[in-house]
């Protein structure tokens, strides 16, 4: 239930991609990957900050988060 809500908000509200990648056998815990594509680094940073704020404001504990930026033109 919670993951569906998060997925719907992250994809619909922020235009990101969402995938559950770990702990699928546990209902109390999950590991997800959220991906955002942007042509401008400022827009990317703002979008990621909004997603993080949304995740932090929910009824669960966000144990950790990591951000990795990949430049496909490099």
PDB file of N, CA and C in Angstrom:
ATOM      1  N   UNK A   1       0.820  -1.199   0.000  1.00  0.00           N
ATOM      2  CA  UNK A   1       0.000   0.000   0.000  1.00  0.00           C
ATOM      3  C   UNK A   1       0.864   1.264   0.000  1.00  0.00           C
ATOM      4  N   UNK A   2       1.819   1.336   0.918  1.00  0.00           N
ATOM      5  CA  UNK A   2       2.684   2.516   0.982  1.00  0.00           C
ATOM      6  C   UNK A   2       3.510   2.665  -0.289  1.00  0.00           C
ATOM      7  N   UNK A   3       4.065   1.560  -0.772  1.00  0.00           N
ATOM      8  CA  UNK A   3       4.907   1.637  -1.969  1.00  0.00           C
ATOM      9  C   UNK A   3       4.116   2.100  -3.185  1.00  0.00           C
ATOM     10  N   UNK A   4       2.885   1.658  -3.302  1.00  0.00           N
ATOM     11  CA  UNK A   4       2.050   2.090  -4.427  1.00  0.00           C
ATOM     12  C   UNK A   4       1.828   3.599  -4.366  1.00  0.00           C
ATOM     13  N   UNK A   5       1.563   4.107  -3.166  1.00  0.00           N
ATOM     14  CA  UNK A   5       1.362   5.549  -2.989  1.00  0.00           C
ATOM     15  C   UNK A   5       2.633   6.317  -3.353  1.00  0.00           C
ATOM     16  N   UNK A   6       3.770   5.836  -2.879  1.00  0.00           N
ATOM     17  CA  UNK A   6       5.045   6.497  -3.183  1.00  0.00           C
ATOM     18  C   UNK A   6       5.305   6.463  -4.677  1.00  0.00           C
ATOM     19  N   UNK A   7       5.145   5.297  -5.280  1.00  0.00           N
ATOM     20  CA  UNK A   7       5.368   5.167  -6.720  1.00  0.00           C
ATOM     21  C   UNK A   7       4.483   6.135  -7.501  1.00  0.00           C
ATOM     22  N   UNK A   8       3.203   6.193  -7.149  1.00  0.00           N
ATOM     23  CA  UNK A   8       2.278   7.070  -7.858  1.00  0.00           C
ATOM     24  C   UNK A   8       2.658   8.540  -7.707  1.00  0.00           C
ATOM     25  N   UNK A   9       3.061   8.936  -6.499  1.00  0.00           N
ATOM     26  CA  UNK A   9       3.452  10.329  -6.264  1.00  0.00           C
ATOM     27  C   UNK A   9       4.750  10.671  -6.990  1.00  0.00           C
ATOM     28  N   UNK A  10       5.733   9.793  -6.881  1.00  0.00           N
ATOM     29  CA  UNK A  10       7.048  10.066  -7.472  1.00  0.00           C
ATOM     30  C   UNK A  10       6.962  10.104  -8.996  1.00  0.00           C
ATOM     31  N   UNK A  11       6.204   9.197  -9.575  1.00  0.00           N
ATOM     32  CA  UNK A  11       6.110   9.185 -11.036  1.00  0.00           C
ATOM     33  C   UNK A  11       5.174  10.270 -11.562  1.00  0.00           C
ATOM     34  N   UNK A  12       4.043  10.452 -10.914  1.00  0.00           N
ATOM     35  CA  UNK A  12       3.068  11.425 -11.397  1.00  0.00           C
ATOM     36  C   UNK A  12       3.411  12.858 -11.079  1.00  0.00           C
ATOM     37  N   UNK A  13       3.847  13.102  -9.869  1.00  0.00           N
ATOM     38  CA  UNK A  13       4.096  14.463  -9.400  1.00  0.00           C
ATOM     39  C   UNK A  13       5.462  14.999  -9.815  1.00  0.00           C
ATOM     40  N   UNK A  14       6.455  14.103  -9.843  1.00  0.00           N
ATOM     41  CA  UNK A  14       7.825  14.548 -10.107  1.00  0.00           C
ATOM     42  C   UNK A  14       8.392  14.052 -11.433  1.00  0.00           C
ATOM     43  N   UNK A  15       7.652  13.225 -12.154  1.00  0.00           N
ATOM     44  CA  UNK A  15       8.109  12.736 -13.450  1.00  0.00           C
ATOM     45  C   UNK A  15       9.293  11.797 -13.373  1.00  0.00           C
ATOM     46  N   UNK A  16       9.467  11.129 -12.261  1.00  0.00           N
ATOM     47  CA  UNK A  16      10.591  10.223 -12.063  1.00  0.00           C
ATOM     48  C   UNK A  16      10.183   8.785 -12.389  1.00  0.00           C
ATOM     49  N   UNK A  17      11.162   7.917 -12.426  1.00  0.00           N
ATOM     50  CA  UNK A  17      10.939   6.491 -12.592  1.00  0.00           C
ATOM     51  C   UNK A  17      11.189   5.825 -11.251  1.00  0.00           C
ATOM     52  N   UNK A  18      10.411   4.798 -10.934  1.00  0.00           N
ATOM     53  CA  UNK A  18      10.439   4.155  -9.621  1.00  0.00           C
ATOM     54  C   UNK A  18      10.560   2.654  -9.813  1.00  0.00           C
ATOM     55  N   UNK A  19      11.459   2.012  -9.063  1.00  0.00           N
ATOM     56  CA  UNK A  19      11.578   0.554  -9.108  1.00  0.00           C
ATOM     57  C   UNK A  19      11.917   0.025  -7.715  1.00  0.00           C
ATOM     58  N   UNK A  20      11.218  -1.026  -7.297  1.00  0.00           N
ATOM     59  CA  UNK A  20      11.547  -1.718  -6.052  1.00  0.00           C
ATOM     60  C   UNK A  20      12.636  -2.730  -6.384  1.00  0.00           C
ATOM     61  N   UNK A  21      13.783  -2.618  -5.719  1.00  0.00           N
ATOM     62  CA  UNK A  21      14.933  -3.445  -6.077  1.00  0.00           C
ATOM     63  C   UNK A  21      15.418  -4.339  -4.943  1.00  0.00           C
ATOM     64  N   UNK A  22      14.801  -4.264  -3.782  1.00  0.00           N
ATOM     65  CA  UNK A  22      15.260  -5.114  -2.680  1.00  0.00           C
ATOM     66  C   UNK A  22      14.221  -5.278  -1.607  1.00  0.00           C
ATOM     67  N   UNK A  23      14.362  -6.339  -0.846  1.00  0.00           N
ATOM     68  CA  UNK A  23      13.495  -6.667   0.292  1.00  0.00           C
ATOM     69  C   UNK A  23      12.048  -6.909  -0.135  1.00  0.00           C
ATOM     70  N   UNK A  24      11.838  -7.452  -1.330  1.00  0.00           N
ATOM     71  CA  UNK A  24      10.471  -7.711  -1.785  1.00  0.00           C
ATOM     72  C   UNK A  24       9.755  -8.738  -0.915  1.00  0.00           C
ATOM     73  N   UNK A  25      10.502  -9.539  -0.170  1.00  0.00           N
ATOM     74  CA  UNK A  25       9.894 -10.567   0.670  1.00  0.00           C
ATOM     75  C   UNK A  25       9.491 -10.036   2.051  1.00  0.00           C
ATOM     76  N   UNK A  26       9.754  -8.770   2.328  1.00  0.00           N
ATOM     77  CA  UNK A  26       9.408  -8.169   3.617  1.00  0.00           C
ATOM     78  C   UNK A  26       8.360  -7.083   3.421  1.00  0.00           C
ATOM     79  N   UNK A  27       7.355  -7.056   4.273  1.00  0.00           N
ATOM     80  CA  UNK A  27       6.354  -5.993   4.165  1.00  0.00           C
ATOM     81  C   UNK A  27       6.738  -4.766   4.973  1.00  0.00           C
ATOM     82  N   UNK A  28       7.690  -4.902   5.917  1.00  0.00           N
ATOM     83  CA  UNK A  28       8.069  -3.787   6.774  1.00  0.00           C
ATOM     84  C   UNK A  28       9.206  -2.941   6.192  1.00  0.00           C
ATOM     85  N   UNK A  29       9.803  -3.409   5.108  1.00  0.00           N
ATOM     86  CA  UNK A  29      11.010  -2.763   4.608  1.00  0.00           C
ATOM     87  C   UNK A  29      11.063  -2.881   3.091  1.00  0.00           C
ATOM     88  N   UNK A  30      11.690  -1.912   2.469  1.00  0.00           N
ATOM     89  CA  UNK A  30      11.837  -1.960   1.021  1.00  0.00           C
ATOM     90  C   UNK A  30      13.073  -1.168   0.612  1.00  0.00           C
ATOM     91  N   UNK A  31      13.601  -1.528  -0.521  1.00  0.00           N
ATOM     92  CA  UNK A  31      14.687  -0.756  -1.129  1.00  0.00           C
ATOM     93  C   UNK A  31      14.209  -0.385  -2.524  1.00  0.00           C
ATOM     94  N   UNK A  32      14.270   0.906  -2.829  1.00  0.00           N
ATOM     95  CA  UNK A  32      13.790   1.373  -4.124  1.00  0.00           C
ATOM     96  C   UNK A  32      14.855   2.223  -4.799  1.00  0.00           C
ATOM     97  N   UNK A  33      14.720   2.322  -6.106  1.00  0.00           N
ATOM     98  CA  UNK A  33      15.548   3.219  -6.905  1.00  0.00           C
ATOM     99  C   UNK A  33      14.590   4.188  -7.584  1.00  0.00           C
ATOM    100  N   UNK A  34      14.925   5.456  -7.485  1.00  0.00           N
ATOM    101  CA  UNK A  34      14.150   6.507  -8.145  1.00  0.00           C
ATOM    102  C   UNK A  34      15.104   7.199  -9.110  1.00  0.00           C
ATOM    103  N   UNK A  35      14.713   7.253 -10.381  1.00  0.00           N
ATOM    104  CA  UNK A  35      15.569   7.863 -11.402  1.00  0.00           C
ATOM    105  C   UNK A  35      14.881   9.086 -11.999  1.00  0.00           C
ATOM    106  N   UNK A  36      15.684  10.126 -12.198  1.00  0.00           N
ATOM    107  CA  UNK A  36      15.187  11.371 -12.792  1.00  0.00           C
ATOM    108  C   UNK A  36      16.133  11.752 -13.925  1.00  0.00           C
ATOM    109  N   UNK A  37      15.578  12.118 -15.059  1.00  0.00           N
ATOM    110  CA  UNK A  37      16.381  12.614 -16.175  1.00  0.00           C
ATOM    111  C   UNK A  37      16.090  14.097 -16.356  1.00  0.00           C
ATOM    112  N   UNK A  38      17.141  14.872 -16.601  1.00  0.00           N
ATOM    113  CA  UNK A  38      16.978  16.308 -16.815  1.00  0.00           C
ATOM    114  C   UNK A  38      18.101  16.812 -17.707  1.00  0.00           C
ATOM    115  N   UNK A  39      17.812  17.843 -18.481  1.00  0.00           N
ATOM    116  CA  UNK A  39      18.833  18.418 -19.358  1.00  0.00           C
ATOM    117  C   UNK A  39      19.616  19.528 -18.670  1.00  0.00           C
ATOM    118  N   UNK A  40      19.189  19.910 -17.470  1.00  0.00           N
ATOM    119  CA  UNK A  40      19.825  20.990 -16.728  1.00  0.00           C
ATOM    120  C   UNK A  40      20.107  20.512 -15.304  1.00  0.00           C
ATOM    121  N   UNK A  41      21.325  20.698 -14.835  1.00  0.00           N
ATOM    122  CA  UNK A  41      21.708  20.235 -13.506  1.00  0.00           C
ATOM    123  C   UNK A  41      20.910  20.931 -12.406  1.00  0.00           C
ATOM    124  N   UNK A  42      20.587  22.195 -12.577  1.00  0.00           N
ATOM    125  CA  UNK A  42      19.799  22.925 -11.581  1.00  0.00           C
ATOM    126  C   UNK A  42      18.408  22.312 -11.440  1.00  0.00           C
ATOM    127  N   UNK A  43      17.782  22.009 -12.559  1.00  0.00           N
ATOM    128  CA  UNK A  43      16.456  21.384 -12.544  1.00  0.00           C
ATOM    129  C   UNK A  43      16.533  20.010 -11.887  1.00  0.00           C
ATOM    130  N   UNK A  44      17.574  19.270 -12.197  1.00  0.00           N
ATOM    131  CA  UNK A  44      17.764  17.957 -11.594  1.00  0.00           C
ATOM    132  C   UNK A  44      17.894  18.070 -10.081  1.00  0.00           C
ATOM    133  N   UNK A  45      18.724  18.981  -9.609  1.00  0.00           N
ATOM    134  CA  UNK A  45      18.908  19.177  -8.163  1.00  0.00           C
ATOM    135  C   UNK A  45      17.599  19.573  -7.476  1.00  0.00           C
ATOM    136  N   UNK A  46      16.847  20.461  -8.097  1.00  0.00           N
ATOM    137  CA  UNK A  46      15.568  20.891  -7.522  1.00  0.00           C
ATOM    138  C   UNK A  46      14.574  19.739  -7.445  1.00  0.00           C
ATOM    139  N   UNK A  47      14.504  18.950  -8.491  1.00  0.00           N
ATOM    140  CA  UNK A  47      13.584  17.813  -8.514  1.00  0.00           C
ATOM    141  C   UNK A  47      13.965  16.784  -7.462  1.00  0.00           C
ATOM    142  N   UNK A  48      15.248  16.477  -7.358  1.00  0.00           N
ATOM    143  CA  UNK A  48      15.699  15.517  -6.351  1.00  0.00           C
ATOM    144  C   UNK A  48      15.426  16.030  -4.942  1.00  0.00           C
ATOM    145  N   UNK A  49      15.608  17.321  -4.716  1.00  0.00           N
ATOM    146  CA  UNK A  49      15.336  17.903  -3.399  1.00  0.00           C
ATOM    147  C   UNK A  49      13.847  17.804  -3.065  1.00  0.00           C
ATOM    148  N   UNK A  50      12.986  18.038  -4.045  1.00  0.00           N
ATOM    149  CA  UNK A  50      11.540  17.928  -3.820  1.00  0.00           C
ATOM    150  C   UNK A  50      11.141  16.490  -3.509  1.00  0.00           C
ATOM    151  N   UNK A  51      11.736  15.545  -4.214  1.00  0.00           N
ATOM    152  CA  UNK A  51      11.445  14.129  -3.945  1.00  0.00           C
ATOM    153  C   UNK A  51      11.896  13.755  -2.541  1.00  0.00           C
ATOM    154  N   UNK A  52      13.084  14.183  -2.154  1.00  0.00           N
ATOM    155  CA  UNK A  52      13.610  13.881  -0.812  1.00  0.00           C
ATOM    156  C   UNK A  52      12.711  14.492   0.257  1.00  0.00           C
ATOM    157  N   UNK A  53      12.270  15.729   0.062  1.00  0.00           N
ATOM    158  CA  UNK A  53      11.361  16.385   1.005  1.00  0.00           C
ATOM    159  C   UNK A  53      10.063  15.601   1.124  1.00  0.00           C
ATOM    160  N   UNK A  54       9.518  15.163  -0.003  1.00  0.00           N
ATOM    161  CA  UNK A  54       8.296  14.360   0.014  1.00  0.00           C
ATOM    162  C   UNK A  54       8.513  13.062   0.807  1.00  0.00           C
ATOM    163  N   UNK A  55       9.591  12.357   0.522  1.00  0.00           N
ATOM    164  CA  UNK A  55       9.854  11.087   1.207  1.00  0.00           C
ATOM    165  C   UNK A  55      10.051  11.286   2.708  1.00  0.00           C
ATOM    166  N   UNK A  56      10.737  12.352   3.077  1.00  0.00           N
ATOM    167  CA  UNK A  56      10.972  12.633   4.500  1.00  0.00           C
ATOM    168  C   UNK A  56       9.694  13.019   5.247  1.00  0.00           C
ATOM    169  N   UNK A  57       8.679  13.474   4.540  1.00  0.00           N
ATOM    170  CA  UNK A  57       7.464  13.959   5.190  1.00  0.00           C
ATOM    171  C   UNK A  57       6.413  12.870   5.410  1.00  0.00           C
ATOM    172  N   UNK A  58       6.705  11.649   5.046  1.00  0.00           N
ATOM    173  CA  UNK A  58       5.720  10.566   5.131  1.00  0.00           C
ATOM    174  C   UNK A  58       5.771   9.848   6.482  1.00  0.00           C
ATOM    175  N   UNK A  59       4.868   8.855   6.641  1.00  0.00           N
ATOM    176  CA  UNK A  59       4.699   8.133   7.909  1.00  0.00           C
ATOM    177  C   UNK A  59       5.725   7.034   8.152  1.00  0.00           C
ATOM    178  N   UNK A  60       6.699   6.895   7.326  1.00  0.00           N
ATOM    179  CA  UNK A  60       7.697   5.848   7.499  1.00  0.00           C
ATOM    180  C   UNK A  60       9.042   6.472   7.829  1.00  0.00           C
ATOM    181  N   UNK A  61       9.998   5.628   8.106  1.00  0.00           N
ATOM    182  CA  UNK A  61      11.363   6.082   8.382  1.00  0.00           C
ATOM    183  C   UNK A  61      12.195   5.872   7.119  1.00  0.00           C
ATOM    184  N   UNK A  62      12.725   6.953   6.598  1.00  0.00           N
ATOM    185  CA  UNK A  62      13.643   6.875   5.473  1.00  0.00           C
ATOM    186  C   UNK A  62      15.014   6.626   6.068  1.00  0.00           C
ATOM    187  N   UNK A  63      15.459   5.384   5.981  1.00  0.00           N
ATOM    188  CA  UNK A  63      16.692   4.977   6.648  1.00  0.00           C
ATOM    189  C   UNK A  63      17.931   5.596   6.021  1.00  0.00           C
ATOM    190  N   UNK A  64      17.979   5.625   4.710  1.00  0.00           N
ATOM    191  CA  UNK A  64      19.126   6.238   4.040  1.00  0.00           C
ATOM    192  C   UNK A  64      18.754   6.567   2.608  1.00  0.00           C
ATOM    193  N   UNK A  65      19.518   7.462   2.027  1.00  0.00           N
ATOM    194  CA  UNK A  65      19.343   7.773   0.611  1.00  0.00           C
ATOM    195  C   UNK A  65      20.703   8.166   0.034  1.00  0.00           C
ATOM    196  N   UNK A  66      20.895   7.787  -1.191  1.00  0.00           N
ATOM    197  CA  UNK A  66      22.125   8.122  -1.912  1.00  0.00           C
ATOM    198  C   UNK A  66      21.736   8.736  -3.253  1.00  0.00           C
ATOM    199  N   UNK A  67      22.509   9.705  -3.681  1.00  0.00           N
ATOM    200  CA  UNK A  67      22.269  10.335  -4.982  1.00  0.00           C
ATOM    201  C   UNK A  67      23.495  10.119  -5.853  1.00  0.00           C
ATOM    202  N   UNK A  68      23.238   9.675  -7.065  1.00  0.00           N
ATOM    203  CA  UNK A  68      24.306   9.494  -8.043  1.00  0.00           C
ATOM    204  C   UNK A  68      23.874  10.200  -9.319  1.00  0.00           C
ATOM    205  N   UNK A  69      24.692  11.114  -9.797  1.00  0.00           N
ATOM    206  CA  UNK A  69      24.400  11.830 -11.032  1.00  0.00           C
ATOM    207  C   UNK A  69      25.299  11.259 -12.117  1.00  0.00           C
ATOM    208  N   UNK A  70      24.669  10.878 -13.235  1.00  0.00           N
ATOM    209  CA  UNK A  70      25.403  10.313 -14.360  1.00  0.00           C
ATOM    210  C   UNK A  70      25.227  11.239 -15.549  1.00  0.00           C
ATOM    211  N   UNK A  71      26.321  11.716 -16.091  1.00  0.00           N
ATOM    212  CA  UNK A  71      26.306  12.565 -17.278  1.00  0.00           C
ATOM    213  C   UNK A  71      26.524  11.671 -18.484  1.00  0.00           C
ATOM    214  N   UNK A  72      25.505  11.521 -19.322  1.00  0.00           N
ATOM    215  CA  UNK A  72      25.609  10.606 -20.460  1.00  0.00           C
ATOM    216  C   UNK A  72      26.460  11.161 -21.600  1.00  0.00           C
ATOM    217  N   UNK A  73      26.752  12.459 -21.567  1.00  0.00           N
ATOM    218  CA  UNK A  73      27.585  13.062 -22.599  1.00  0.00           C
ATOM    219  C   UNK A  73      29.065  13.003 -22.255  1.00  0.00           C
ATOM    220  N   UNK A  74      29.392  12.571 -21.063  1.00  0.00           N
ATOM    221  CA  UNK A  74      30.794  12.558 -20.629  1.00  0.00           C
ATOM    222  C   UNK A  74      31.551  11.399 -21.237  1.00  0.00           C
TER     223      UNK A  74
END
